[in-house]
Amino acid sequence: MSRISIVATAVPREEASAAWLSAAIDAVLDDGEMRATSASHSERLQATDPPARAVDLIEQLI
């Protein structure tokens, strides 16, 4: 199973704004490496059945 690395910046609710969110989305869309990584994970997930895999893992625990 591969690991997905995520780095996020937490923003206090009182500092969150439409402008901040728009800038954050633009930063993600402008990051070629992040886009490529997302595309790779998307292809992997589309080739599998994540809900069924989750059920299998949960059933192994019970």
PDB file of N, CA and C in Angstrom:
ATOM      1  N   MET A   1       0.849  -1.165   0.000  1.00  0.00           N
ATOM      2  CA  MET A   1       0.000   0.000   0.000  1.00  0.00           C
ATOM      3  C   MET A   1       0.898   1.232   0.000  1.00  0.00           C
ATOM      4  N   SER A   2       0.612   2.173  -0.879  1.00  0.00           N
ATOM      5  CA  SER A   2       1.448   3.372  -0.924  1.00  0.00           C
ATOM      6  C   SER A   2       0.930   4.416   0.053  1.00  0.00           C
ATOM      7  N   ARG A   3       1.804   5.281   0.436  1.00  0.00           N
ATOM      8  CA  ARG A   3       1.434   6.352   1.372  1.00  0.00           C
ATOM      9  C   ARG A   3       1.281   7.651   0.587  1.00  0.00           C
ATOM     10  N   ILE A   4       0.323   8.438   0.996  1.00  0.00           N
ATOM     11  CA  ILE A   4       0.109   9.736   0.377  1.00  0.00           C
ATOM     12  C   ILE A   4       0.636  10.790   1.339  1.00  0.00           C
ATOM     13  N   SER A   5       1.559  11.597   0.856  1.00  0.00           N
ATOM     14  CA  SER A   5       2.094  12.673   1.690  1.00  0.00           C
ATOM     15  C   SER A   5       1.253  13.921   1.489  1.00  0.00           C
ATOM     16  N   ILE A   6       0.803  14.467   2.592  1.00  0.00           N
ATOM     17  CA  ILE A   6      -0.014  15.675   2.530  1.00  0.00           C
ATOM     18  C   ILE A   6       0.557  16.682   3.513  1.00  0.00           C
ATOM     19  N   VAL A   7       0.762  17.864   3.021  1.00  0.00           N
ATOM     20  CA  VAL A   7       1.195  18.952   3.885  1.00  0.00           C
ATOM     21  C   VAL A   7       0.105  20.008   3.807  1.00  0.00           C
ATOM     22  N   ALA A   8      -0.461  20.335   4.924  1.00  0.00           N
ATOM     23  CA  ALA A   8      -1.555  21.304   4.933  1.00  0.00           C
ATOM     24  C   ALA A   8      -1.262  22.415   5.925  1.00  0.00           C
ATOM     25  N   THR A   9      -1.783  23.554   5.616  1.00  0.00           N
ATOM     26  CA  THR A   9      -1.675  24.688   6.515  1.00  0.00           C
ATOM     27  C   THR A   9      -3.032  24.897   7.161  1.00  0.00           C
ATOM     28  N   ALA A  10      -3.075  24.816   8.459  1.00  0.00           N
ATOM     29  CA  ALA A  10      -4.329  25.053   9.167  1.00  0.00           C
ATOM     30  C   ALA A  10      -4.536  26.558   9.294  1.00  0.00           C
ATOM     31  N   VAL A  11      -5.749  26.969   9.039  1.00  0.00           N
ATOM     32  CA  VAL A  11      -6.077  28.387   9.129  1.00  0.00           C
ATOM     33  C   VAL A  11      -7.185  28.556  10.153  1.00  0.00           C
ATOM     34  N   PRO A  12      -6.963  29.384  11.146  1.00  0.00           N
ATOM     35  CA  PRO A  12      -8.032  29.635  12.112  1.00  0.00           C
ATOM     36  C   PRO A  12      -9.274  30.170  11.396  1.00  0.00           C
ATOM     37  N   ARG A  13     -10.426  29.741  11.842  1.00  0.00           N
ATOM     38  CA  ARG A  13     -11.684  30.116  11.193  1.00  0.00           C
ATOM     39  C   ARG A  13     -11.796  31.627  10.979  1.00  0.00           C
ATOM     40  N   GLU A  14     -11.379  32.399  11.972  1.00  0.00           N
ATOM     41  CA  GLU A  14     -11.526  33.852  11.853  1.00  0.00           C
ATOM     42  C   GLU A  14     -10.605  34.456  10.796  1.00  0.00           C
ATOM     43  N   GLU A  15      -9.581  33.710  10.376  1.00  0.00           N
ATOM     44  CA  GLU A  15      -8.670  34.202   9.339  1.00  0.00           C
ATOM     45  C   GLU A  15      -9.013  33.654   7.959  1.00  0.00           C
ATOM     46  N   ALA A  16      -9.885  32.674   7.901  1.00  0.00           N
ATOM     47  CA  ALA A  16     -10.260  32.076   6.621  1.00  0.00           C
ATOM     48  C   ALA A  16     -11.137  33.052   5.843  1.00  0.00           C
ATOM     49  N   SER A  17     -10.896  33.097   4.547  1.00  0.00           N
ATOM     50  CA  SER A  17     -11.692  33.980   3.697  1.00  0.00           C
ATOM     51  C   SER A  17     -11.744  33.386   2.299  1.00  0.00           C
ATOM     52  N   ALA A  18     -12.620  33.921   1.483  1.00  0.00           N
ATOM     53  CA  ALA A  18     -12.704  33.475   0.097  1.00  0.00           C
ATOM     54  C   ALA A  18     -11.378  33.736  -0.615  1.00  0.00           C
ATOM     55  N   ALA A  19     -10.761  34.859  -0.326  1.00  0.00           N
ATOM     56  CA  ALA A  19      -9.478  35.186  -0.958  1.00  0.00           C
ATOM     57  C   ALA A  19      -8.394  34.194  -0.546  1.00  0.00           C
ATOM     58  N   TRP A  20      -8.360  33.827   0.753  1.00  0.00           N
ATOM     59  CA  TRP A  20      -7.367  32.857   1.221  1.00  0.00           C
ATOM     60  C   TRP A  20      -7.584  31.510   0.540  1.00  0.00           C
ATOM     61  N   LEU A  21      -8.843  31.065   0.485  1.00  0.00           N
ATOM     62  CA  LEU A  21      -9.157  29.786  -0.143  1.00  0.00           C
ATOM     63  C   LEU A  21      -8.805  29.800  -1.625  1.00  0.00           C
ATOM     64  N   SER A  22      -9.125  30.879  -2.303  1.00  0.00           N
ATOM     65  CA  SER A  22      -8.795  31.004  -3.718  1.00  0.00           C
ATOM     66  C   SER A  22      -7.287  30.922  -3.941  1.00  0.00           C
ATOM     67  N   ALA A  23      -6.515  31.598  -3.104  1.00  0.00           N
ATOM     68  CA  ALA A  23      -5.054  31.559  -3.217  1.00  0.00           C
ATOM     69  C   ALA A  23      -4.522  30.157  -2.951  1.00  0.00           C
ATOM     70  N   ALA A  24      -5.108  29.456  -1.982  1.00  0.00           N
ATOM     71  CA  ALA A  24      -4.672  28.091  -1.670  1.00  0.00           C
ATOM     72  C   ALA A  24      -4.961  27.154  -2.840  1.00  0.00           C
ATOM     73  N   ILE A  25      -6.125  27.288  -3.447  1.00  0.00           N
ATOM     74  CA  ILE A  25      -6.477  26.455  -4.603  1.00  0.00           C
ATOM     75  C   ILE A  25      -5.540  26.754  -5.762  1.00  0.00           C
ATOM     76  N   ASP A  26      -5.283  28.033  -6.023  1.00  0.00           N
ATOM     77  CA  ASP A  26      -4.354  28.403  -7.093  1.00  0.00           C
ATOM     78  C   ASP A  26      -2.969  27.817  -6.850  1.00  0.00           C
ATOM     79  N   ALA A  27      -2.511  27.836  -5.602  1.00  0.00           N
ATOM     80  CA  ALA A  27      -1.187  27.292  -5.278  1.00  0.00           C
ATOM     81  C   ALA A  27      -1.120  25.808  -5.599  1.00  0.00           C
ATOM     82  N   VAL A  28      -2.189  25.079  -5.294  1.00  0.00           N
ATOM     83  CA  VAL A  28      -2.222  23.643  -5.586  1.00  0.00           C
ATOM     84  C   VAL A  28      -2.242  23.418  -7.094  1.00  0.00           C
ATOM     85  N   LEU A  29      -3.090  24.165  -7.802  1.00  0.00           N
ATOM     86  CA  LEU A  29      -3.211  23.979  -9.247  1.00  0.00           C
ATOM     87  C   LEU A  29      -1.943  24.375  -9.992  1.00  0.00           C
ATOM     88  N   ASP A  30      -1.194  25.320  -9.445  1.00  0.00           N
ATOM     89  CA  ASP A  30       0.037  25.780 -10.092  1.00  0.00           C
ATOM     90  C   ASP A  30       1.244  24.912  -9.768  1.00  0.00           C
ATOM     91  N   ASP A  31       1.109  23.963  -8.849  1.00  0.00           N
ATOM     92  CA  ASP A  31       2.216  23.100  -8.433  1.00  0.00           C
ATOM     93  C   ASP A  31       2.219  21.844  -9.304  1.00  0.00           C
ATOM     94  N   GLY A  32       3.117  21.801 -10.279  1.00  0.00           N
ATOM     95  CA  GLY A  32       3.173  20.681 -11.211  1.00  0.00           C
ATOM     96  C   GLY A  32       3.419  19.346 -10.534  1.00  0.00           C
ATOM     97  N   GLU A  33       4.278  19.328  -9.529  1.00  0.00           N
ATOM     98  CA  GLU A  33       4.567  18.078  -8.821  1.00  0.00           C
ATOM     99  C   GLU A  33       3.322  17.578  -8.085  1.00  0.00           C
ATOM    100  N   MET A  34       2.600  18.496  -7.453  1.00  0.00           N
ATOM    101  CA  MET A  34       1.396  18.104  -6.732  1.00  0.00           C
ATOM    102  C   MET A  34       0.331  17.591  -7.710  1.00  0.00           C
ATOM    103  N   ARG A  35       0.219  18.254  -8.865  1.00  0.00           N
ATOM    104  CA  ARG A  35      -0.731  17.789  -9.890  1.00  0.00           C
ATOM    105  C   ARG A  35      -0.374  16.394 -10.364  1.00  0.00           C
ATOM    106  N   ALA A  36       0.912  16.146 -10.631  1.00  0.00           N
ATOM    107  CA  ALA A  36       1.350  14.832 -11.108  1.00  0.00           C
ATOM    108  C   ALA A  36       1.102  13.759 -10.054  1.00  0.00           C
ATOM    109  N   THR A  37       1.392  14.069  -8.803  1.00  0.00           N
ATOM    110  CA  THR A  37       1.153  13.118  -7.722  1.00  0.00           C
ATOM    111  C   THR A  37      -0.332  12.824  -7.591  1.00  0.00           C
ATOM    112  N   SER A  38      -1.151  13.862  -7.678  1.00  0.00           N
ATOM    113  CA  SER A  38      -2.604  13.677  -7.593  1.00  0.00           C
ATOM    114  C   SER A  38      -3.111  12.817  -8.742  1.00  0.00           C
ATOM    115  N   ALA A  39      -2.606  13.049  -9.937  1.00  0.00           N
ATOM    116  CA  ALA A  39      -3.024  12.260 -11.096  1.00  0.00           C
ATOM    117  C   ALA A  39      -2.646  10.795 -10.914  1.00  0.00           C
ATOM    118  N   SER A  40      -1.459  10.553 -10.378  1.00  0.00           N
ATOM    119  CA  SER A  40      -1.015   9.179 -10.136  1.00  0.00           C
ATOM    120  C   SER A  40      -1.923   8.474  -9.135  1.00  0.00           C
ATOM    121  N   HIS A  41      -2.239   9.156  -8.036  1.00  0.00           N
ATOM    122  CA  HIS A  41      -3.129   8.561  -7.033  1.00  0.00           C
ATOM    123  C   HIS A  41      -4.533   8.368  -7.599  1.00  0.00           C
ATOM    124  N   SER A  42      -4.982   9.299  -8.417  1.00  0.00           N
ATOM    125  CA  SER A  42      -6.307   9.188  -9.026  1.00  0.00           C
ATOM    126  C   SER A  42      -6.389   7.954  -9.918  1.00  0.00           C
ATOM    127  N   GLU A  43      -5.365   7.739 -10.741  1.00  0.00           N
ATOM    128  CA  GLU A  43      -5.338   6.556 -11.611  1.00  0.00           C
ATOM    129  C   GLU A  43      -5.359   5.273 -10.787  1.00  0.00           C
ATOM    130  N   ARG A  44      -4.576   5.247  -9.711  1.00  0.00           N
ATOM    131  CA  ARG A  44      -4.524   4.059  -8.862  1.00  0.00           C
ATOM    132  C   ARG A  44      -5.884   3.794  -8.226  1.00  0.00           C
ATOM    133  N   LEU A  45      -6.527   4.838  -7.727  1.00  0.00           N
ATOM    134  CA  LEU A  45      -7.830   4.659  -7.086  1.00  0.00           C
ATOM    135  C   LEU A  45      -8.905   4.249  -8.086  1.00  0.00           C
ATOM    136  N   GLN A  46      -8.845   4.783  -9.295  1.00  0.00           N
ATOM    137  CA  GLN A  46      -9.831   4.422 -10.307  1.00  0.00           C
ATOM    138  C   GLN A  46      -9.665   2.981 -10.768  1.00  0.00           C
ATOM    139  N   ALA A  47      -8.470   2.433 -10.624  1.00  0.00           N
ATOM    140  CA  ALA A  47      -8.205   1.054 -11.034  1.00  0.00           C
ATOM    141  C   ALA A  47      -8.596   0.059  -9.951  1.00  0.00           C
ATOM    142  N   THR A  48      -8.984   0.550  -8.793  1.00  0.00           N
ATOM    143  CA  THR A  48      -9.359  -0.323  -7.686  1.00  0.00           C
ATOM    144  C   THR A  48     -10.769   0.025  -7.228  1.00  0.00           C
ATOM    145  N   ASP A  49     -11.211  -0.635  -6.194  1.00  0.00           N
ATOM    146  CA  ASP A  49     -12.520  -0.355  -5.604  1.00  0.00           C
ATOM    147  C   ASP A  49     -12.289   0.014  -4.142  1.00  0.00           C
ATOM    148  N   PRO A  50     -11.953   1.289  -3.876  1.00  0.00           N
ATOM    149  CA  PRO A  50     -11.622   1.686  -2.505  1.00  0.00           C
ATOM    150  C   PRO A  50     -12.675   1.322  -1.459  1.00  0.00           C
ATOM    151  N   PRO A  51     -13.975   1.497  -1.724  1.00  0.00           N
ATOM    152  CA  PRO A  51     -14.947   1.102  -0.692  1.00  0.00           C
ATOM    153  C   PRO A  51     -14.878  -0.394  -0.368  1.00  0.00           C
ATOM    154  N   ALA A  52     -14.724  -1.227  -1.386  1.00  0.00           N
ATOM    155  CA  ALA A  52     -14.625  -2.669  -1.143  1.00  0.00           C
ATOM    156  C   ALA A  52     -13.352  -2.989  -0.365  1.00  0.00           C
ATOM    157  N   ARG A  53     -12.268  -2.310  -0.692  1.00  0.00           N
ATOM    158  CA  ARG A  53     -11.006  -2.523   0.028  1.00  0.00           C
ATOM    159  C   ARG A  53     -11.168  -2.117   1.486  1.00  0.00           C
ATOM    160  N   ALA A  54     -11.855  -1.007   1.736  1.00  0.00           N
ATOM    161  CA  ALA A  54     -12.092  -0.565   3.111  1.00  0.00           C
ATOM    162  C   ALA A  54     -12.903  -1.603   3.875  1.00  0.00           C
ATOM    163  N   VAL A  55     -13.923  -2.158   3.226  1.00  0.00           N
ATOM    164  CA  VAL A  55     -14.738  -3.196   3.870  1.00  0.00           C
ATOM    165  C   VAL A  55     -13.871  -4.397   4.213  1.00  0.00           C
ATOM    166  N   ASP A  56     -13.029  -4.825   3.272  1.00  0.00           N
ATOM    167  CA  ASP A  56     -12.141  -5.967   3.523  1.00  0.00           C
ATOM    168  C   ASP A  56     -11.237  -5.710   4.733  1.00  0.00           C
ATOM    169  N   LEU A  57     -10.658  -4.522   4.800  1.00  0.00           N
ATOM    170  CA  LEU A  57      -9.761  -4.205   5.912  1.00  0.00           C
ATOM    171  C   LEU A  57     -10.509  -4.161   7.242  1.00  0.00           C
ATOM    172  N   ILE A  58     -11.704  -3.591   7.232  1.00  0.00           N
ATOM    173  CA  ILE A  58     -12.506  -3.534   8.459  1.00  0.00           C
ATOM    174  C   ILE A  58     -12.902  -4.932   8.900  1.00  0.00           C
ATOM    175  N   GLU A  59     -13.298  -5.771   7.948  1.00  0.00           N
ATOM    176  CA  GLU A  59     -13.695  -7.136   8.296  1.00  0.00           C
ATOM    177  C   GLU A  59     -12.531  -7.931   8.874  1.00  0.00           C
ATOM    178  N   GLN A  60     -11.317  -7.624   8.457  1.00  0.00           N
ATOM    179  CA  GLN A  60     -10.153  -8.307   9.013  1.00  0.00           C
ATOM    180  C   GLN A  60      -9.949  -7.936  10.484  1.00  0.00           C
ATOM    181  N   LEU A  61     -10.415  -6.768  10.858  1.00  0.00           N
ATOM    182  CA  LEU A  61     -10.249  -6.308  12.235  1.00  0.00           C
ATOM    183  C   LEU A  61     -11.290  -6.887  13.186  1.00  0.00           C
ATOM    184  N   ILE A  62     -12.427  -7.309  12.636  1.00  0.00           N
ATOM    185  CA  ILE A  62     -13.493  -7.805  13.522  1.00  0.00           C
ATOM    186  C   ILE A  62     -13.614  -9.314  13.485  1.00  0.00           C
TER     187      ILE A  62
END
